[in-house]
Amino acid sequence: MENSIVASYVALLLGCVIQDNTMFVDNIKQYLPKGNFDDMITILKKFLGFMNLTTAIGSTGGKSIAHVIEVLEGC
């Protein structure tokens, strides 16, 4: 479980970086195993679902994670 949480936070960090600077999209994709953000999107959706189940985040936190998911899906 710890690995999933760490992966989720890394995905959030990278999503925040590319939402403000799309120049990094291709640079980041070249280091990903499949060359796309599909795995990161999947882990973030699982993380968001987990956080919603445990009610560990407020509506602002959930919206922020959902926004990063949208950014990654749009790349």
PDB file of N, CA and C in Angstrom:
ATOM      1  N   MET A   1       0.818  -1.198   0.000  1.00  0.00           N
ATOM      2  CA  MET A   1       0.000   0.000   0.000  1.00  0.00           C
ATOM      3  C   MET A   1       0.862   1.263   0.000  1.00  0.00           C
ATOM      4  N   GLU A   2       1.988   1.196   0.710  1.00  0.00           N
ATOM      5  CA  GLU A   2       2.847   2.368   0.772  1.00  0.00           C
ATOM      6  C   GLU A   2       3.364   2.752  -0.613  1.00  0.00           C
ATOM      7  N   ASN A   3       3.692   1.741  -1.424  1.00  0.00           N
ATOM      8  CA  ASN A   3       4.181   2.019  -2.772  1.00  0.00           C
ATOM      9  C   ASN A   3       3.128   2.741  -3.608  1.00  0.00           C
ATOM     10  N   SER A   4       1.871   2.364  -3.436  1.00  0.00           N
ATOM     11  CA  SER A   4       0.795   3.014  -4.185  1.00  0.00           C
ATOM     12  C   SER A   4       0.637   4.472  -3.772  1.00  0.00           C
ATOM     13  N   ILE A   5       0.774   4.738  -2.499  1.00  0.00           N
ATOM     14  CA  ILE A   5       0.654   6.110  -2.015  1.00  0.00           C
ATOM     15  C   ILE A   5       1.817   6.958  -2.525  1.00  0.00           C
ATOM     16  N   VAL A   6       3.017   6.408  -2.483  1.00  0.00           N
ATOM     17  CA  VAL A   6       4.178   7.132  -2.997  1.00  0.00           C
ATOM     18  C   VAL A   6       4.009   7.387  -4.491  1.00  0.00           C
ATOM     19  N   ALA A   7       3.565   6.374  -5.237  1.00  0.00           N
ATOM     20  CA  ALA A   7       3.349   6.530  -6.680  1.00  0.00           C
ATOM     21  C   ALA A   7       2.289   7.595  -6.951  1.00  0.00           C
ATOM     22  N   SER A   8       1.264   7.639  -6.129  1.00  0.00           N
ATOM     23  CA  SER A   8       0.209   8.641  -6.303  1.00  0.00           C
ATOM     24  C   SER A   8       0.739  10.050  -6.094  1.00  0.00           C
ATOM     25  N   TYR A   9       1.545  10.218  -5.064  1.00  0.00           N
ATOM     26  CA  TYR A   9       2.106  11.548  -4.816  1.00  0.00           C
ATOM     27  C   TYR A   9       3.092  11.971  -5.909  1.00  0.00           C
ATOM     28  N   VAL A  10       3.837  11.015  -6.457  1.00  0.00           N
ATOM     29  CA  VAL A  10       4.734  11.331  -7.572  1.00  0.00           C
ATOM     30  C   VAL A  10       3.908  11.741  -8.790  1.00  0.00           C
ATOM     31  N   ALA A  11       2.820  11.007  -9.048  1.00  0.00           N
ATOM     32  CA  ALA A  11       1.945  11.349 -10.174  1.00  0.00           C
ATOM     33  C   ALA A  11       1.324  12.729  -9.974  1.00  0.00           C
ATOM     34  N   LEU A  12       0.920  13.046  -8.750  1.00  0.00           N
ATOM     35  CA  LEU A  12       0.385  14.380  -8.463  1.00  0.00           C
ATOM     36  C   LEU A  12       1.433  15.460  -8.706  1.00  0.00           C
ATOM     37  N   LEU A  13       2.642  15.207  -8.269  1.00  0.00           N
ATOM     38  CA  LEU A  13       3.722  16.173  -8.458  1.00  0.00           C
ATOM     39  C   LEU A  13       3.982  16.409  -9.947  1.00  0.00           C
ATOM     40  N   LEU A  14       4.097  15.339 -10.708  1.00  0.00           N
ATOM     41  CA  LEU A  14       4.352  15.478 -12.142  1.00  0.00           C
ATOM     42  C   LEU A  14       3.174  16.132 -12.851  1.00  0.00           C
ATOM     43  N   GLY A  15       1.954  15.804 -12.423  1.00  0.00           N
ATOM     44  CA  GLY A  15       0.774  16.440 -13.007  1.00  0.00           C
ATOM     45  C   GLY A  15       0.753  17.930 -12.747  1.00  0.00           C
ATOM     46  N   CYS A  16       1.153  18.327 -11.555  1.00  0.00           N
ATOM     47  CA  CYS A  16       1.219  19.760 -11.234  1.00  0.00           C
ATOM     48  C   CYS A  16       2.296  20.460 -12.051  1.00  0.00           C
ATOM     49  N   VAL A  17       3.399  19.791 -12.286  1.00  0.00           N
ATOM     50  CA  VAL A  17       4.489  20.393 -13.068  1.00  0.00           C
ATOM     51  C   VAL A  17       4.042  20.626 -14.506  1.00  0.00           C
ATOM     52  N   ILE A  18       3.378  19.645 -15.114  1.00  0.00           N
ATOM     53  CA  ILE A  18       3.031  19.804 -16.525  1.00  0.00           C
ATOM     54  C   ILE A  18       1.783  20.640 -16.749  1.00  0.00           C
ATOM     55  N   GLN A  19       0.969  20.848 -15.725  1.00  0.00           N
ATOM     56  CA  GLN A  19      -0.208  21.687 -15.941  1.00  0.00           C
ATOM     57  C   GLN A  19       0.187  23.151 -16.140  1.00  0.00           C
ATOM     58  N   ASP A  20       1.303  23.542 -15.615  1.00  0.00           N
ATOM     59  CA  ASP A  20       1.773  24.916 -15.768  1.00  0.00           C
ATOM     60  C   ASP A  20       2.788  25.080 -16.892  1.00  0.00           C
ATOM     61  N   ASN A  21       3.355  23.989 -17.359  1.00  0.00           N
ATOM     62  CA  ASN A  21       4.383  24.074 -18.390  1.00  0.00           C
ATOM     63  C   ASN A  21       4.321  22.832 -19.274  1.00  0.00           C
ATOM     64  N   THR A  22       3.631  22.937 -20.376  1.00  0.00           N
ATOM     65  CA  THR A  22       3.438  21.786 -21.252  1.00  0.00           C
ATOM     66  C   THR A  22       4.705  21.374 -21.994  1.00  0.00           C
ATOM     67  N   MET A  23       5.768  22.173 -21.907  1.00  0.00           N
ATOM     68  CA  MET A  23       7.047  21.780 -22.509  1.00  0.00           C
ATOM     69  C   MET A  23       7.579  20.487 -21.892  1.00  0.00           C
ATOM     70  N   PHE A  24       7.216  20.242 -20.644  1.00  0.00           N
ATOM     71  CA  PHE A  24       7.724  19.073 -19.937  1.00  0.00           C
ATOM     72  C   PHE A  24       7.016  17.781 -20.314  1.00  0.00           C
ATOM     73  N   VAL A  25       5.903  17.846 -21.017  1.00  0.00           N
ATOM     74  CA  VAL A  25       5.113  16.652 -21.323  1.00  0.00           C
ATOM     75  C   VAL A  25       5.959  15.613 -22.051  1.00  0.00           C
ATOM     76  N   ASP A  26       6.581  15.990 -23.141  1.00  0.00           N
ATOM     77  CA  ASP A  26       7.386  15.043 -23.904  1.00  0.00           C
ATOM     78  C   ASP A  26       8.606  14.565 -23.124  1.00  0.00           C
ATOM     79  N   ASN A  27       9.202  15.453 -22.354  1.00  0.00           N
ATOM     80  CA  ASN A  27      10.354  15.058 -21.536  1.00  0.00           C
ATOM     81  C   ASN A  27       9.977  14.003 -20.513  1.00  0.00           C
ATOM     82  N   ILE A  28       8.838  14.167 -19.873  1.00  0.00           N
ATOM     83  CA  ILE A  28       8.402  13.205 -18.864  1.00  0.00           C
ATOM     84  C   ILE A  28       7.981  11.897 -19.526  1.00  0.00           C
ATOM     85  N   LYS A  29       7.265  11.975 -20.646  1.00  0.00           N
ATOM     86  CA  LYS A  29       6.795  10.764 -21.328  1.00  0.00           C
ATOM     87  C   LYS A  29       7.935   9.850 -21.752  1.00  0.00           C
ATOM     88  N   GLN A  30       9.080  10.398 -22.103  1.00  0.00           N
ATOM     89  CA  GLN A  30      10.185   9.566 -22.560  1.00  0.00           C
ATOM     90  C   GLN A  30      10.747   8.677 -21.452  1.00  0.00           C
ATOM     91  N   TYR A  31      10.485   9.028 -20.205  1.00  0.00           N
ATOM     92  CA  TYR A  31      10.974   8.229 -19.087  1.00  0.00           C
ATOM     93  C   TYR A  31       9.937   7.228 -18.573  1.00  0.00           C
ATOM     94  N   LEU A  32       8.727   7.282 -19.077  1.00  0.00           N
ATOM     95  CA  LEU A  32       7.680   6.374 -18.644  1.00  0.00           C
ATOM     96  C   LEU A  32       7.731   5.081 -19.447  1.00  0.00           C
ATOM     97  N   PRO A  33       7.425   3.944 -18.806  1.00  0.00           N
ATOM     98  CA  PRO A  33       7.548   2.647 -19.486  1.00  0.00           C
ATOM     99  C   PRO A  33       6.763   2.542 -20.800  1.00  0.00           C
ATOM    100  N   LYS A  34       5.545   3.016 -20.834  1.00  0.00           N
ATOM    101  CA  LYS A  34       4.723   2.916 -22.038  1.00  0.00           C
ATOM    102  C   LYS A  34       4.738   4.198 -22.862  1.00  0.00           C
ATOM    103  N   GLY A  35       5.429   5.198 -22.380  1.00  0.00           N
ATOM    104  CA  GLY A  35       5.502   6.463 -23.096  1.00  0.00           C
ATOM    105  C   GLY A  35       4.235   7.292 -23.011  1.00  0.00           C
ATOM    106  N   ASN A  36       3.366   6.961 -22.043  1.00  0.00           N
ATOM    107  CA  ASN A  36       2.147   7.747 -21.841  1.00  0.00           C
ATOM    108  C   ASN A  36       1.822   7.789 -20.345  1.00  0.00           C
ATOM    109  N   PHE A  37       0.764   8.489 -20.020  1.00  0.00           N
ATOM    110  CA  PHE A  37       0.409   8.701 -18.621  1.00  0.00           C
ATOM    111  C   PHE A  37      -0.662   7.730 -18.110  1.00  0.00           C
ATOM    112  N   ASP A  38      -0.950   6.675 -18.854  1.00  0.00           N
ATOM    113  CA  ASP A  38      -2.042   5.766 -18.474  1.00  0.00           C
ATOM    114  C   ASP A  38      -1.864   5.165 -17.084  1.00  0.00           C
ATOM    115  N   ASP A  39      -0.664   4.694 -16.775  1.00  0.00           N
ATOM    116  CA  ASP A  39      -0.425   4.100 -15.450  1.00  0.00           C
ATOM    117  C   ASP A  39      -0.579   5.133 -14.333  1.00  0.00           C
ATOM    118  N   MET A  40      -0.120   6.351 -14.592  1.00  0.00           N
ATOM    119  CA  MET A  40      -0.250   7.403 -13.590  1.00  0.00           C
ATOM    120  C   MET A  40      -1.716   7.776 -13.366  1.00  0.00           C
ATOM    121  N   ILE A  41      -2.488   7.810 -14.440  1.00  0.00           N
ATOM    122  CA  ILE A  41      -3.916   8.118 -14.335  1.00  0.00           C
ATOM    123  C   ILE A  41      -4.621   7.032 -13.535  1.00  0.00           C
ATOM    124  N   THR A  42      -4.281   5.786 -13.813  1.00  0.00           N
ATOM    125  CA  THR A  42      -4.897   4.662 -13.100  1.00  0.00           C
ATOM    126  C   THR A  42      -4.614   4.731 -11.613  1.00  0.00           C
ATOM    127  N   ILE A  43      -3.366   4.970 -11.247  1.00  0.00           N
ATOM    128  CA  ILE A  43      -3.013   5.015  -9.826  1.00  0.00           C
ATOM    129  C   ILE A  43      -3.663   6.208  -9.141  1.00  0.00           C
ATOM    130  N   LEU A  44      -3.792   7.329  -9.842  1.00  0.00           N
ATOM    131  CA  LEU A  44      -4.449   8.495  -9.243  1.00  0.00           C
ATOM    132  C   LEU A  44      -5.943   8.254  -9.048  1.00  0.00           C
ATOM    133  N   LYS A  45      -6.579   7.556  -9.979  1.00  0.00           N
ATOM    134  CA  LYS A  45      -8.003   7.243  -9.822  1.00  0.00           C
ATOM    135  C   LYS A  45      -8.218   6.310  -8.633  1.00  0.00           C
ATOM    136  N   LYS A  46      -7.338   5.332  -8.468  1.00  0.00           N
ATOM    137  CA  LYS A  46      -7.427   4.439  -7.314  1.00  0.00           C
ATOM    138  C   LYS A  46      -7.201   5.212  -6.019  1.00  0.00           C
ATOM    139  N   PHE A  47      -6.224   6.112  -6.039  1.00  0.00           N
ATOM    140  CA  PHE A  47      -5.916   6.926  -4.861  1.00  0.00           C
ATOM    141  C   PHE A  47      -7.105   7.810  -4.499  1.00  0.00           C
ATOM    142  N   LEU A  48      -7.718   8.431  -5.498  1.00  0.00           N
ATOM    143  CA  LEU A  48      -8.877   9.282  -5.257  1.00  0.00           C
ATOM    144  C   LEU A  48     -10.036   8.469  -4.697  1.00  0.00           C
ATOM    145  N   GLY A  49     -10.255   7.296  -5.243  1.00  0.00           N
ATOM    146  CA  GLY A  49     -11.302   6.418  -4.716  1.00  0.00           C
ATOM    147  C   GLY A  49     -11.045   6.022  -3.276  1.00  0.00           C
ATOM    148  N   PHE A  50      -9.800   5.677  -2.963  1.00  0.00           N
ATOM    149  CA  PHE A  50      -9.424   5.328  -1.597  1.00  0.00           C
ATOM    150  C   PHE A  50      -9.634   6.495  -0.650  1.00  0.00           C
ATOM    151  N   MET A  51      -9.206   7.669  -1.084  1.00  0.00           N
ATOM    152  CA  MET A  51      -9.359   8.848  -0.232  1.00  0.00           C
ATOM    153  C   MET A  51     -10.830   9.180  -0.007  1.00  0.00           C
ATOM    154  N   ASN A  52     -11.655   8.998  -1.024  1.00  0.00           N
ATOM    155  CA  ASN A  52     -13.086   9.248  -0.864  1.00  0.00           C
ATOM    156  C   ASN A  52     -13.719   8.237   0.087  1.00  0.00           C
ATOM    157  N   LEU A  53     -13.290   6.980   0.013  1.00  0.00           N
ATOM    158  CA  LEU A  53     -13.823   5.957   0.907  1.00  0.00           C
ATOM    159  C   LEU A  53     -13.467   6.222   2.360  1.00  0.00           C
ATOM    160  N   THR A  54     -12.270   6.704   2.577  1.00  0.00           N
ATOM    161  CA  THR A  54     -11.826   6.948   3.952  1.00  0.00           C
ATOM    162  C   THR A  54     -12.166   8.353   4.423  1.00  0.00           C
ATOM    163  N   THR A  55     -12.760   9.131   3.552  1.00  0.00           N
ATOM    164  CA  THR A  55     -13.096  10.541   3.828  1.00  0.00           C
ATOM    165  C   THR A  55     -11.904  11.294   4.425  1.00  0.00           C
ATOM    166  N   ALA A  56     -10.721  10.980   3.900  1.00  0.00           N
ATOM    167  CA  ALA A  56      -9.503  11.602   4.407  1.00  0.00           C
ATOM    168  C   ALA A  56      -9.260  12.976   3.797  1.00  0.00           C
ATOM    169  N   ILE A  57     -10.005  13.301   2.760  1.00  0.00           N
ATOM    170  CA  ILE A  57      -9.808  14.599   2.130  1.00  0.00           C
ATOM    171  C   ILE A  57     -11.130  15.337   2.072  1.00  0.00           C
ATOM    172  N   GLY A  58     -11.036  16.639   2.021  1.00  0.00           N
ATOM    173  CA  GLY A  58     -12.231  17.447   1.838  1.00  0.00           C
ATOM    174  C   GLY A  58     -12.540  17.572   0.361  1.00  0.00           C
ATOM    175  N   SER A  59     -13.531  18.360   0.048  1.00  0.00           N
ATOM    176  CA  SER A  59     -13.919  18.513  -1.353  1.00  0.00           C
ATOM    177  C   SER A  59     -12.829  19.204  -2.167  1.00  0.00           C
ATOM    178  N   THR A  60     -12.053  20.072  -1.530  1.00  0.00           N
ATOM    179  CA  THR A  60     -10.983  20.767  -2.243  1.00  0.00           C
ATOM    180  C   THR A  60      -9.884  19.797  -2.660  1.00  0.00           C
ATOM    181  N   GLY A  61      -9.497  18.893  -1.778  1.00  0.00           N
ATOM    182  CA  GLY A  61      -8.454  17.915  -2.100  1.00  0.00           C
ATOM    183  C   GLY A  61      -8.889  16.988  -3.213  1.00  0.00           C
ATOM    184  N   GLY A  62     -10.131  16.540  -3.167  1.00  0.00           N
ATOM    185  CA  GLY A  62     -10.651  15.671  -4.212  1.00  0.00           C
ATOM    186  C   GLY A  62     -10.721  16.370  -5.547  1.00  0.00           C
ATOM    187  N   LYS A  63     -11.103  17.633  -5.530  1.00  0.00           N
ATOM    188  CA  LYS A  63     -11.165  18.410  -6.772  1.00  0.00           C
ATOM    189  C   LYS A  63      -9.777  18.615  -7.348  1.00  0.00           C
ATOM    190  N   SER A  64      -8.801  18.826  -6.488  1.00  0.00           N
ATOM    191  CA  SER A  64      -7.429  19.016  -6.953  1.00  0.00           C
ATOM    192  C   SER A  64      -6.887  17.763  -7.620  1.00  0.00           C
ATOM    193  N   ILE A  65      -7.130  16.615  -7.010  1.00  0.00           N
ATOM    194  CA  ILE A  65      -6.676  15.352  -7.595  1.00  0.00           C
ATOM    195  C   ILE A  65      -7.404  15.098  -8.908  1.00  0.00           C
ATOM    196  N   ALA A  66      -8.705  15.353  -8.945  1.00  0.00           N
ATOM    197  CA  ALA A  66      -9.476  15.175 -10.169  1.00  0.00           C
ATOM    198  C   ALA A  66      -8.963  16.099 -11.281  1.00  0.00           C
ATOM    199  N   HIS A  67      -8.560  17.304 -10.914  1.00  0.00           N
ATOM    200  CA  HIS A  67      -8.013  18.242 -11.902  1.00  0.00           C
ATOM    201  C   HIS A  67      -6.706  17.720 -12.486  1.00  0.00           C
ATOM    202  N   VAL A  68      -5.839  17.180 -11.650  1.00  0.00           N
ATOM    203  CA  VAL A  68      -4.577  16.626 -12.135  1.00  0.00           C
ATOM    204  C   VAL A  68      -4.854  15.442 -13.063  1.00  0.00           C
ATOM    205  N   ILE A  69      -5.838  14.611 -12.728  1.00  0.00           N
ATOM    206  CA  ILE A  69      -6.219  13.506 -13.601  1.00  0.00           C
ATOM    207  C   ILE A  69      -6.652  14.030 -14.968  1.00  0.00           C
ATOM    208  N   GLU A  70      -7.452  15.091 -14.969  1.00  0.00           N
ATOM    209  CA  GLU A  70      -7.885  15.692 -16.243  1.00  0.00           C
ATOM    210  C   GLU A  70      -6.704  16.218 -17.046  1.00  0.00           C
ATOM    211  N   VAL A  71      -5.742  16.835 -16.352  1.00  0.00           N
ATOM    212  CA  VAL A  71      -4.558  17.360 -17.043  1.00  0.00           C
ATOM    213  C   VAL A  71      -3.789  16.217 -17.698  1.00  0.00           C
ATOM    214  N   LEU A  72      -3.589  15.130 -16.957  1.00  0.00           N
ATOM    215  CA  LEU A  72      -2.849  13.993 -17.503  1.00  0.00           C
ATOM    216  C   LEU A  72      -3.599  13.317 -18.649  1.00  0.00           C
ATOM    217  N   GLU A  73      -4.925  13.251 -18.549  1.00  0.00           N
ATOM    218  CA  GLU A  73      -5.708  12.653 -19.628  1.00  0.00           C
ATOM    219  C   GLU A  73      -5.655  13.491 -20.886  1.00  0.00           C
ATOM    220  N   GLY A  74      -5.479  14.788 -20.730  1.00  0.00           N
ATOM    221  CA  GLY A  74      -5.432  15.684 -21.887  1.00  0.00           C
ATOM    222  C   GLY A  74      -4.085  15.718 -22.588  1.00  0.00           C
ATOM    223  N   CYS A  75      -3.095  15.065 -22.020  1.00  0.00           N
ATOM    224  CA  CYS A  75      -1.747  15.104 -22.632  1.00  0.00           C
ATOM    225  C   CYS A  75      -1.519  13.959 -23.575  1.00  0.00           C
TER     226      CYS A  75
END
